[in-house]
Amino acid sequence: MDLVVCGHTHMPFNRKIGTVRVVNAGSVGMPVGNPDAHWLLLGPGIEPRHTAYDFDAAAERIYATTYPQAEDLALKLLRPPTEEQLLEVFSRVELRP
């Protein structure tokens, strides 16, 4: 079976499309749902993993930078969108045949 590993949606999934397995670990910095860092262990199988993550400390480090959108980024980190909100955004840009 072919495997495609993708990302950038911040939402973990593991789906089979035809004969292709498509997986997304989720997000380390702004996960949806479980507030841990999401990642995959790939080997003979596909194992979704979660690691505890100190979001408050990460937000403080972001605030301390000179990044122009530091406040917005830190707030997104501390209050990520819900799965329902993210699905609503994705549905507006969904590719249709």
PDB file of N, CA and C in Angstrom:
ATOM      1  N   MET A   1       0.850  -1.180   0.000  1.00  0.00           N
ATOM      2  CA  MET A   1       0.000   0.000   0.000  1.00  0.00           C
ATOM      3  C   MET A   1       0.895   1.243   0.000  1.00  0.00           C
ATOM      4  N   ASP A   2       0.536   2.213  -0.809  1.00  0.00           N
ATOM      5  CA  ASP A   2       1.253   3.485  -0.842  1.00  0.00           C
ATOM      6  C   ASP A   2       0.851   4.336   0.355  1.00  0.00           C
ATOM      7  N   LEU A   3       1.774   5.197   0.775  1.00  0.00           N
ATOM      8  CA  LEU A   3       1.551   6.053   1.930  1.00  0.00           C
ATOM      9  C   LEU A   3       1.868   7.495   1.570  1.00  0.00           C
ATOM     10  N   VAL A   4       0.958   8.406   1.934  1.00  0.00           N
ATOM     11  CA  VAL A   4       1.185   9.834   1.793  1.00  0.00           C
ATOM     12  C   VAL A   4       1.117  10.431   3.195  1.00  0.00           C
ATOM     13  N   VAL A   5       2.171  11.145   3.580  1.00  0.00           N
ATOM     14  CA  VAL A   5       2.200  11.844   4.861  1.00  0.00           C
ATOM     15  C   VAL A   5       2.103  13.332   4.549  1.00  0.00           C
ATOM     16  N   CYS A   6       1.097  13.984   5.106  1.00  0.00           N
ATOM     17  CA  CYS A   6       0.895  15.405   4.817  1.00  0.00           C
ATOM     18  C   CYS A   6       0.753  16.172   6.120  1.00  0.00           C
ATOM     19  N   GLY A   7       0.593  17.460   5.994  1.00  0.00           N
ATOM     20  CA  GLY A   7       0.455  18.281   7.185  1.00  0.00           C
ATOM     21  C   GLY A   7      -0.180  19.610   6.855  1.00  0.00           C
ATOM     22  N   HIS A   8       0.017  20.556   7.718  1.00  0.00           N
ATOM     23  CA  HIS A   8      -0.388  21.943   7.611  1.00  0.00           C
ATOM     24  C   HIS A   8      -1.850  22.197   7.986  1.00  0.00           C
ATOM     25  N   THR A   9      -2.625  21.173   8.243  1.00  0.00           N
ATOM     26  CA  THR A   9      -4.022  21.402   8.624  1.00  0.00           C
ATOM     27  C   THR A   9      -4.195  21.499  10.132  1.00  0.00           C
ATOM     28  N   HIS A  10      -3.218  21.054  10.895  1.00  0.00           N
ATOM     29  CA  HIS A  10      -3.252  21.041  12.355  1.00  0.00           C
ATOM     30  C   HIS A  10      -4.266  20.041  12.901  1.00  0.00           C
ATOM     31  N   MET A  11      -4.878  19.269  12.035  1.00  0.00           N
ATOM     32  CA  MET A  11      -5.881  18.302  12.443  1.00  0.00           C
ATOM     33  C   MET A  11      -5.411  16.891  12.076  1.00  0.00           C
ATOM     34  N   PRO A  12      -5.178  16.035  13.074  1.00  0.00           N
ATOM     35  CA  PRO A  12      -4.697  14.698  12.754  1.00  0.00           C
ATOM     36  C   PRO A  12      -5.760  13.854  12.055  1.00  0.00           C
ATOM     37  N   PHE A  13      -5.304  13.018  11.120  1.00  0.00           N
ATOM     38  CA  PHE A  13      -6.201  12.045  10.516  1.00  0.00           C
ATOM     39  C   PHE A  13      -5.397  10.898   9.933  1.00  0.00           C
ATOM     40  N   ASN A  14      -6.087   9.785   9.709  1.00  0.00           N
ATOM     41  CA  ASN A  14      -5.510   8.578   9.123  1.00  0.00           C
ATOM     42  C   ASN A  14      -6.616   7.977   8.272  1.00  0.00           C
ATOM     43  N   ARG A  15      -6.500   8.136   6.945  1.00  0.00           N
ATOM     44  CA  ARG A  15      -7.570   7.702   6.040  1.00  0.00           C
ATOM     45  C   ARG A  15      -7.005   6.856   4.917  1.00  0.00           C
ATOM     46  N   LYS A  16      -7.825   5.988   4.411  1.00  0.00           N
ATOM     47  CA  LYS A  16      -7.469   5.223   3.224  1.00  0.00           C
ATOM     48  C   LYS A  16      -8.306   5.750   2.065  1.00  0.00           C
ATOM     49  N   ILE A  17      -7.626   6.142   0.995  1.00  0.00           N
ATOM     50  CA  ILE A  17      -8.297   6.641  -0.202  1.00  0.00           C
ATOM     51  C   ILE A  17      -7.912   5.696  -1.330  1.00  0.00           C
ATOM     52  N   GLY A  18      -8.836   4.835  -1.713  1.00  0.00           N
ATOM     53  CA  GLY A  18      -8.496   3.784  -2.677  1.00  0.00           C
ATOM     54  C   GLY A  18      -7.484   2.854  -2.038  1.00  0.00           C
ATOM     55  N   THR A  19      -6.318   2.735  -2.658  1.00  0.00           N
ATOM     56  CA  THR A  19      -5.257   1.888  -2.098  1.00  0.00           C
ATOM     57  C   THR A  19      -4.169   2.710  -1.411  1.00  0.00           C
ATOM     58  N   VAL A  20      -4.429   3.991  -1.218  1.00  0.00           N
ATOM     59  CA  VAL A  20      -3.421   4.882  -0.635  1.00  0.00           C
ATOM     60  C   VAL A  20      -3.817   5.251   0.794  1.00  0.00           C
ATOM     61  N   ARG A  21      -2.890   5.094   1.738  1.00  0.00           N
ATOM     62  CA  ARG A  21      -3.094   5.525   3.116  1.00  0.00           C
ATOM     63  C   ARG A  21      -2.593   6.962   3.202  1.00  0.00           C
ATOM     64  N   VAL A  22      -3.442   7.888   3.697  1.00  0.00           N
ATOM     65  CA  VAL A  22      -3.087   9.299   3.833  1.00  0.00           C
ATOM     66  C   VAL A  22      -3.155   9.628   5.324  1.00  0.00           C
ATOM     67  N   VAL A  23      -2.029  10.104   5.873  1.00  0.00           N
ATOM     68  CA  VAL A  23      -1.973  10.412   7.301  1.00  0.00           C
ATOM     69  C   VAL A  23      -1.454  11.822   7.529  1.00  0.00           C
ATOM     70  N   ASN A  24      -1.936  12.426   8.606  1.00  0.00           N
ATOM     71  CA  ASN A  24      -1.501  13.745   9.040  1.00  0.00           C
ATOM     72  C   ASN A  24      -1.331  13.654  10.553  1.00  0.00           C
ATOM     73  N   ALA A  25      -0.150  13.969  11.037  1.00  0.00           N
ATOM     74  CA  ALA A  25       0.119  13.867  12.475  1.00  0.00           C
ATOM     75  C   ALA A  25      -0.683  14.873  13.284  1.00  0.00           C
ATOM     76  N   GLY A  26      -0.992  16.001  12.698  1.00  0.00           N
ATOM     77  CA  GLY A  26      -1.652  17.077  13.426  1.00  0.00           C
ATOM     78  C   GLY A  26      -0.692  18.230  13.546  1.00  0.00           C
ATOM     79  N   SER A  27      -0.420  18.680  14.775  1.00  0.00           N
ATOM     80  CA  SER A  27       0.434  19.841  14.960  1.00  0.00           C
ATOM     81  C   SER A  27       1.186  19.751  16.270  1.00  0.00           C
ATOM     82  N   VAL A  28       2.400  20.221  16.249  1.00  0.00           N
ATOM     83  CA  VAL A  28       3.162  20.335  17.482  1.00  0.00           C
ATOM     84  C   VAL A  28       2.804  21.642  18.181  1.00  0.00           C
ATOM     85  N   GLY A  29       2.676  22.722  17.431  1.00  0.00           N
ATOM     86  CA  GLY A  29       2.491  24.039  18.024  1.00  0.00           C
ATOM     87  C   GLY A  29       1.076  24.491  18.238  1.00  0.00           C
ATOM     88  N   MET A  30       0.131  24.075  17.407  1.00  0.00           N
ATOM     89  CA  MET A  30      -1.252  24.524  17.559  1.00  0.00           C
ATOM     90  C   MET A  30      -2.213  23.382  17.223  1.00  0.00           C
ATOM     91  N   PRO A  31      -2.223  22.337  18.050  1.00  0.00           N
ATOM     92  CA  PRO A  31      -3.084  21.203  17.745  1.00  0.00           C
ATOM     93  C   PRO A  31      -4.560  21.509  17.950  1.00  0.00           C
ATOM     94  N   VAL A  32      -5.374  20.769  17.251  1.00  0.00           N
ATOM     95  CA  VAL A  32      -6.824  20.840  17.407  1.00  0.00           C
ATOM     96  C   VAL A  32      -7.209  19.670  18.306  1.00  0.00           C
ATOM     97  N   GLY A  33      -8.096  19.910  19.245  1.00  0.00           N
ATOM     98  CA  GLY A  33      -8.520  18.836  20.145  1.00  0.00           C
ATOM     99  C   GLY A  33      -7.554  18.703  21.307  1.00  0.00           C
ATOM    100  N   ASN A  34      -6.967  17.545  21.463  1.00  0.00           N
ATOM    101  CA  ASN A  34      -6.026  17.248  22.541  1.00  0.00           C
ATOM    102  C   ASN A  34      -4.883  18.274  22.540  1.00  0.00           C
ATOM    103  N   PRO A  35      -4.652  18.982  23.643  1.00  0.00           N
ATOM    104  CA  PRO A  35      -3.657  20.050  23.633  1.00  0.00           C
ATOM    105  C   PRO A  35      -2.221  19.586  23.852  1.00  0.00           C
ATOM    106  N   ASP A  36      -1.837  18.487  23.267  1.00  0.00           N
ATOM    107  CA  ASP A  36      -0.465  18.019  23.309  1.00  0.00           C
ATOM    108  C   ASP A  36       0.172  18.243  21.947  1.00  0.00           C
ATOM    109  N   ALA A  37       1.473  18.011  21.869  1.00  0.00           N
ATOM    110  CA  ALA A  37       2.159  18.011  20.580  1.00  0.00           C
ATOM    111  C   ALA A  37       1.832  16.680  19.900  1.00  0.00           C
ATOM    112  N   HIS A  38       1.322  16.741  18.691  1.00  0.00           N
ATOM    113  CA  HIS A  38       0.932  15.545  17.942  1.00  0.00           C
ATOM    114  C   HIS A  38       2.042  15.202  16.954  1.00  0.00           C
ATOM    115  N   TRP A  39       2.365  13.913  16.836  1.00  0.00           N
ATOM    116  CA  TRP A  39       3.363  13.477  15.869  1.00  0.00           C
ATOM    117  C   TRP A  39       3.120  12.018  15.539  1.00  0.00           C
ATOM    118  N   LEU A  40       3.799  11.532  14.514  1.00  0.00           N
ATOM    119  CA  LEU A  40       3.643  10.146  14.068  1.00  0.00           C
ATOM    120  C   LEU A  40       4.963   9.413  14.183  1.00  0.00           C
ATOM    121  N   LEU A  41       4.889   8.159  14.595  1.00  0.00           N
ATOM    122  CA  LEU A  41       6.038   7.265  14.530  1.00  0.00           C
ATOM    123  C   LEU A  41       5.774   6.334  13.350  1.00  0.00           C
ATOM    124  N   LEU A  42       6.598   6.481  12.318  1.00  0.00           N
ATOM    125  CA  LEU A  42       6.441   5.674  11.115  1.00  0.00           C
ATOM    126  C   LEU A  42       7.480   4.568  11.120  1.00  0.00           C
ATOM    127  N   GLY A  43       7.041   3.369  10.859  1.00  0.00           N
ATOM    128  CA  GLY A  43       7.916   2.200  10.809  1.00  0.00           C
ATOM    129  C   GLY A  43       7.155   1.124  10.082  1.00  0.00           C
ATOM    130  N   PRO A  44       7.113  -0.050  10.662  1.00  0.00           N
ATOM    131  CA  PRO A  44       6.282  -1.075  10.021  1.00  0.00           C
ATOM    132  C   PRO A  44       4.803  -0.691  10.033  1.00  0.00           C
ATOM    133  N   GLY A  45       4.427   0.171  10.974  1.00  0.00           N
ATOM    134  CA  GLY A  45       3.052   0.654  11.070  1.00  0.00           C
ATOM    135  C   GLY A  45       3.043   2.167  11.190  1.00  0.00           C
ATOM    136  N   ILE A  46       1.877   2.706  11.492  1.00  0.00           N
ATOM    137  CA  ILE A  46       1.710   4.148  11.696  1.00  0.00           C
ATOM    138  C   ILE A  46       1.171   4.321  13.106  1.00  0.00           C
ATOM    139  N   GLU A  47       1.977   4.942  13.981  1.00  0.00           N
ATOM    140  CA  GLU A  47       1.572   5.125  15.366  1.00  0.00           C
ATOM    141  C   GLU A  47       1.414   6.608  15.699  1.00  0.00           C
ATOM    142  N   PRO A  48       0.167   7.079  15.876  1.00  0.00           N
ATOM    143  CA  PRO A  48      -0.021   8.464  16.328  1.00  0.00           C
ATOM    144  C   PRO A  48       0.519   8.600  17.753  1.00  0.00           C
ATOM    145  N   ARG A  49       1.252   9.664  18.012  1.00  0.00           N
ATOM    146  CA  ARG A  49       1.828   9.895  19.337  1.00  0.00           C
ATOM    147  C   ARG A  49       1.464  11.293  19.814  1.00  0.00           C
ATOM    148  N   HIS A  50       1.499  11.473  21.129  1.00  0.00           N
ATOM    149  CA  HIS A  50       1.230  12.771  21.759  1.00  0.00           C
ATOM    150  C   HIS A  50       2.276  12.991  22.841  1.00  0.00           C
ATOM    151  N   THR A  51       2.788  14.202  22.917  1.00  0.00           N
ATOM    152  CA  THR A  51       3.762  14.566  23.937  1.00  0.00           C
ATOM    153  C   THR A  51       3.262  15.827  24.634  1.00  0.00           C
ATOM    154  N   ALA A  52       3.301  15.819  25.963  1.00  0.00           N
ATOM    155  CA  ALA A  52       2.868  16.993  26.727  1.00  0.00           C
ATOM    156  C   ALA A  52       3.691  18.203  26.307  1.00  0.00           C
ATOM    157  N   TYR A  53       3.043  19.355  26.268  1.00  0.00           N
ATOM    158  CA  TYR A  53       3.649  20.570  25.730  1.00  0.00           C
ATOM    159  C   TYR A  53       3.242  21.736  26.605  1.00  0.00           C
ATOM    160  N   ASP A  54       4.184  22.543  27.019  1.00  0.00           N
ATOM    161  CA  ASP A  54       3.895  23.696  27.879  1.00  0.00           C
ATOM    162  C   ASP A  54       3.539  24.900  27.006  1.00  0.00           C
ATOM    163  N   PHE A  55       2.264  25.056  26.714  1.00  0.00           N
ATOM    164  CA  PHE A  55       1.804  26.126  25.830  1.00  0.00           C
ATOM    165  C   PHE A  55       2.004  27.509  26.449  1.00  0.00           C
ATOM    166  N   ASP A  56       1.848  27.620  27.761  1.00  0.00           N
ATOM    167  CA  ASP A  56       2.047  28.912  28.408  1.00  0.00           C
ATOM    168  C   ASP A  56       3.491  29.382  28.249  1.00  0.00           C
ATOM    169  N   ALA A  57       4.438  28.485  28.465  1.00  0.00           N
ATOM    170  CA  ALA A  57       5.854  28.845  28.322  1.00  0.00           C
ATOM    171  C   ALA A  57       6.171  29.194  26.867  1.00  0.00           C
ATOM    172  N   ALA A  58       5.592  28.440  25.934  1.00  0.00           N
ATOM    173  CA  ALA A  58       5.821  28.731  24.513  1.00  0.00           C
ATOM    174  C   ALA A  58       5.257  30.105  24.150  1.00  0.00           C
ATOM    175  N   ALA A  59       4.080  30.431  24.659  1.00  0.00           N
ATOM    176  CA  ALA A  59       3.474  31.733  24.373  1.00  0.00           C
ATOM    177  C   ALA A  59       4.335  32.861  24.945  1.00  0.00           C
ATOM    178  N   GLU A  60       4.854  32.675  26.133  1.00  0.00           N
ATOM    179  CA  GLU A  60       5.723  33.696  26.733  1.00  0.00           C
ATOM    180  C   GLU A  60       6.972  33.911  25.888  1.00  0.00           C
ATOM    181  N   ARG A  61       7.528  32.842  25.365  1.00  0.00           N
ATOM    182  CA  ARG A  61       8.721  32.977  24.508  1.00  0.00           C
ATOM    183  C   ARG A  61       8.369  33.703  23.214  1.00  0.00           C
ATOM    184  N   ILE A  62       7.176  33.454  22.687  1.00  0.00           N
ATOM    185  CA  ILE A  62       6.739  34.153  21.468  1.00  0.00           C
ATOM    186  C   ILE A  62       6.560  35.639  21.760  1.00  0.00           C
ATOM    187  N   TYR A  63       5.883  35.955  22.871  1.00  0.00           N
ATOM    188  CA  TYR A  63       5.680  37.356  23.246  1.00  0.00           C
ATOM    189  C   TYR A  63       7.004  38.106  23.382  1.00  0.00           C
ATOM    190  N   ALA A  64       8.060  37.418  23.806  1.00  0.00           N
ATOM    191  CA  ALA A  64       9.362  38.043  24.046  1.00  0.00           C
ATOM    192  C   ALA A  64      10.148  38.324  22.763  1.00  0.00           C
ATOM    193  N   THR A  65       9.651  37.889  21.621  1.00  0.00           N
ATOM    194  CA  THR A  65      10.361  38.112  20.369  1.00  0.00           C
ATOM    195  C   THR A  65       9.983  39.459  19.762  1.00  0.00           C
ATOM    196  N   THR A  66      10.640  39.794  18.677  1.00  0.00           N
ATOM    197  CA  THR A  66      10.297  41.006  17.931  1.00  0.00           C
ATOM    198  C   THR A  66       9.446  40.667  16.706  1.00  0.00           C
ATOM    199  N   TYR A  67       8.946  39.438  16.648  1.00  0.00           N
ATOM    200  CA  TYR A  67       8.098  39.022  15.529  1.00  0.00           C
ATOM    201  C   TYR A  67       6.880  39.946  15.470  1.00  0.00           C
ATOM    202  N   PRO A  68       6.585  40.536  14.301  1.00  0.00           N
ATOM    203  CA  PRO A  68       5.488  41.515  14.208  1.00  0.00           C
ATOM    204  C   PRO A  68       4.122  40.975  14.619  1.00  0.00           C
ATOM    205  N   GLN A  69       3.847  39.718  14.376  1.00  0.00           N
ATOM    206  CA  GLN A  69       2.547  39.150  14.743  1.00  0.00           C
ATOM    207  C   GLN A  69       2.646  38.260  15.986  1.00  0.00           C
ATOM    208  N   ALA A  70       3.590  38.559  16.882  1.00  0.00           N
ATOM    209  CA  ALA A  70       3.817  37.720  18.058  1.00  0.00           C
ATOM    210  C   ALA A  70       2.558  37.566  18.913  1.00  0.00           C
ATOM    211  N   GLU A  71       1.853  38.654  19.147  1.00  0.00           N
ATOM    212  CA  GLU A  71       0.662  38.575  20.005  1.00  0.00           C
ATOM    213  C   GLU A  71      -0.411  37.682  19.389  1.00  0.00           C
ATOM    214  N   ASP A  72      -0.659  37.851  18.101  1.00  0.00           N
ATOM    215  CA  ASP A  72      -1.657  37.033  17.405  1.00  0.00           C
ATOM    216  C   ASP A  72      -1.261  35.556  17.434  1.00  0.00           C
ATOM    217  N   LEU A  73       0.011  35.276  17.172  1.00  0.00           N
ATOM    218  CA  LEU A  73       0.485  33.896  17.169  1.00  0.00           C
ATOM    219  C   LEU A  73       0.372  33.273  18.556  1.00  0.00           C
ATOM    220  N   ALA A  74       0.762  34.008  19.586  1.00  0.00           N
ATOM    221  CA  ALA A  74       0.678  33.489  20.953  1.00  0.00           C
ATOM    222  C   ALA A  74      -0.778  33.214  21.344  1.00  0.00           C
ATOM    223  N   LEU A  75      -1.687  34.098  20.965  1.00  0.00           N
ATOM    224  CA  LEU A  75      -3.108  33.881  21.281  1.00  0.00           C
ATOM    225  C   LEU A  75      -3.658  32.655  20.553  1.00  0.00           C
ATOM    226  N   LYS A  76      -3.243  32.458  19.294  1.00  0.00           N
ATOM    227  CA  LYS A  76      -3.675  31.260  18.559  1.00  0.00           C
ATOM    228  C   LYS A  76      -3.137  30.005  19.214  1.00  0.00           C
ATOM    229  N   LEU A  77      -1.936  30.091  19.757  1.00  0.00           N
ATOM    230  CA  LEU A  77      -1.340  28.959  20.446  1.00  0.00           C
ATOM    231  C   LEU A  77      -2.119  28.626  21.705  1.00  0.00           C
ATOM    232  N   LEU A  78      -2.513  29.654  22.450  1.00  0.00           N
ATOM    233  CA  LEU A  78      -3.220  29.444  23.712  1.00  0.00           C
ATOM    234  C   LEU A  78      -4.700  29.133  23.523  1.00  0.00           C
ATOM    235  N   ARG A  79      -5.286  29.619  22.425  1.00  0.00           N
ATOM    236  CA  ARG A  79      -6.711  29.381  22.160  1.00  0.00           C
ATOM    237  C   ARG A  79      -6.896  28.943  20.713  1.00  0.00           C
ATOM    238  N   PRO A  80      -6.465  27.724  20.393  1.00  0.00           N
ATOM    239  CA  PRO A  80      -6.595  27.266  19.010  1.00  0.00           C
ATOM    240  C   PRO A  80      -8.063  27.071  18.647  1.00  0.00           C
ATOM    241  N   PRO A  81      -8.369  27.077  17.352  1.00  0.00           N
ATOM    242  CA  PRO A  81      -9.759  26.859  16.946  1.00  0.00           C
ATOM    243  C   PRO A  81     -10.205  25.442  17.303  1.00  0.00           C
ATOM    244  N   THR A  82     -11.502  25.290  17.480  1.00  0.00           N
ATOM    245  CA  THR A  82     -12.051  23.954  17.727  1.00  0.00           C
ATOM    246  C   THR A  82     -12.044  23.171  16.414  1.00  0.00           C
ATOM    247  N   GLU A  83     -12.241  21.886  16.519  1.00  0.00           N
ATOM    248  CA  GLU A  83     -12.316  21.049  15.312  1.00  0.00           C
ATOM    249  C   GLU A  83     -13.464  21.522  14.416  1.00  0.00           C
ATOM    250  N   GLU A  84     -14.591  21.883  15.015  1.00  0.00           N
ATOM    251  CA  GLU A  84     -15.740  22.349  14.244  1.00  0.00           C
ATOM    252  C   GLU A  84     -15.416  23.643  13.491  1.00  0.00           C
ATOM    253  N   GLN A  85     -14.740  24.572  14.152  1.00  0.00           N
ATOM    254  CA  GLN A  85     -14.362  25.833  13.498  1.00  0.00           C
ATOM    255  C   GLN A  85     -13.403  25.578  12.336  1.00  0.00           C
ATOM    256  N   LEU A  86     -12.443  24.689  12.539  1.00  0.00           N
ATOM    257  CA  LEU A  86     -11.482  24.397  11.489  1.00  0.00           C
ATOM    258  C   LEU A  86     -12.147  23.704  10.308  1.00  0.00           C
ATOM    259  N   LEU A  87     -13.056  22.779  10.574  1.00  0.00           N
ATOM    260  CA  LEU A  87     -13.775  22.114   9.483  1.00  0.00           C
ATOM    261  C   LEU A  87     -14.614  23.108   8.686  1.00  0.00           C
ATOM    262  N   GLU A  88     -15.191  24.102   9.361  1.00  0.00           N
ATOM    263  CA  GLU A  88     -15.957  25.141   8.670  1.00  0.00           C
ATOM    264  C   GLU A  88     -15.053  25.926   7.724  1.00  0.00           C
ATOM    265  N   VAL A  89     -13.868  26.288   8.178  1.00  0.00           N
ATOM    266  CA  VAL A  89     -12.918  27.010   7.329  1.00  0.00           C
ATOM    267  C   VAL A  89     -12.527  26.144   6.135  1.00  0.00           C
ATOM    268  N   PHE A  90     -12.199  24.870   6.391  1.00  0.00           N
ATOM    269  CA  PHE A  90     -11.789  23.972   5.307  1.00  0.00           C
ATOM    270  C   PHE A  90     -12.904  23.758   4.299  1.00  0.00           C
ATOM    271  N   SER A  91     -14.148  23.723   4.758  1.00  0.00           N
ATOM    272  CA  SER A  91     -15.258  23.455   3.841  1.00  0.00           C
ATOM    273  C   SER A  91     -15.423  24.592   2.830  1.00  0.00           C
ATOM    274  N   ARG A  92     -15.009  25.794   3.192  1.00  0.00           N
ATOM    275  CA  ARG A  92     -15.111  26.932   2.270  1.00  0.00           C
ATOM    276  C   ARG A  92     -14.082  26.883   1.155  1.00  0.00           C
ATOM    277  N   VAL A  93     -13.003  26.129   1.346  1.00  0.00           N
ATOM    278  CA  VAL A  93     -11.950  26.060   0.323  1.00  0.00           C
ATOM    279  C   VAL A  93     -11.795  24.653  -0.249  1.00  0.00           C
ATOM    280  N   GLU A  94     -12.742  23.774   0.056  1.00  0.00           N
ATOM    281  CA  GLU A  94     -12.695  22.397  -0.418  1.00  0.00           C
ATOM    282  C   GLU A  94     -12.724  22.339  -1.941  1.00  0.00           C
ATOM    283  N   LEU A  95     -11.848  21.504  -2.506  1.00  0.00           N
ATOM    284  CA  LEU A  95     -11.858  21.314  -3.954  1.00  0.00           C
ATOM    285  C   LEU A  95     -13.041  20.444  -4.348  1.00  0.00           C
ATOM    286  N   ARG A  96     -13.751  20.865  -5.334  1.00  0.00           N
ATOM    287  CA  ARG A  96     -14.917  20.101  -5.807  1.00  0.00           C
ATOM    288  C   ARG A  96     -14.718  19.776  -7.275  1.00  0.00           C
ATOM    289  N   PRO A  97     -15.161  18.587  -7.700  1.00  0.00           N
ATOM    290  CA  PRO A  97     -15.010  18.202  -9.126  1.00  0.00           C
ATOM    291  C   PRO A  97     -15.856  19.060 -10.044  1.00  0.00           C
TER     292      PRO A  97
END
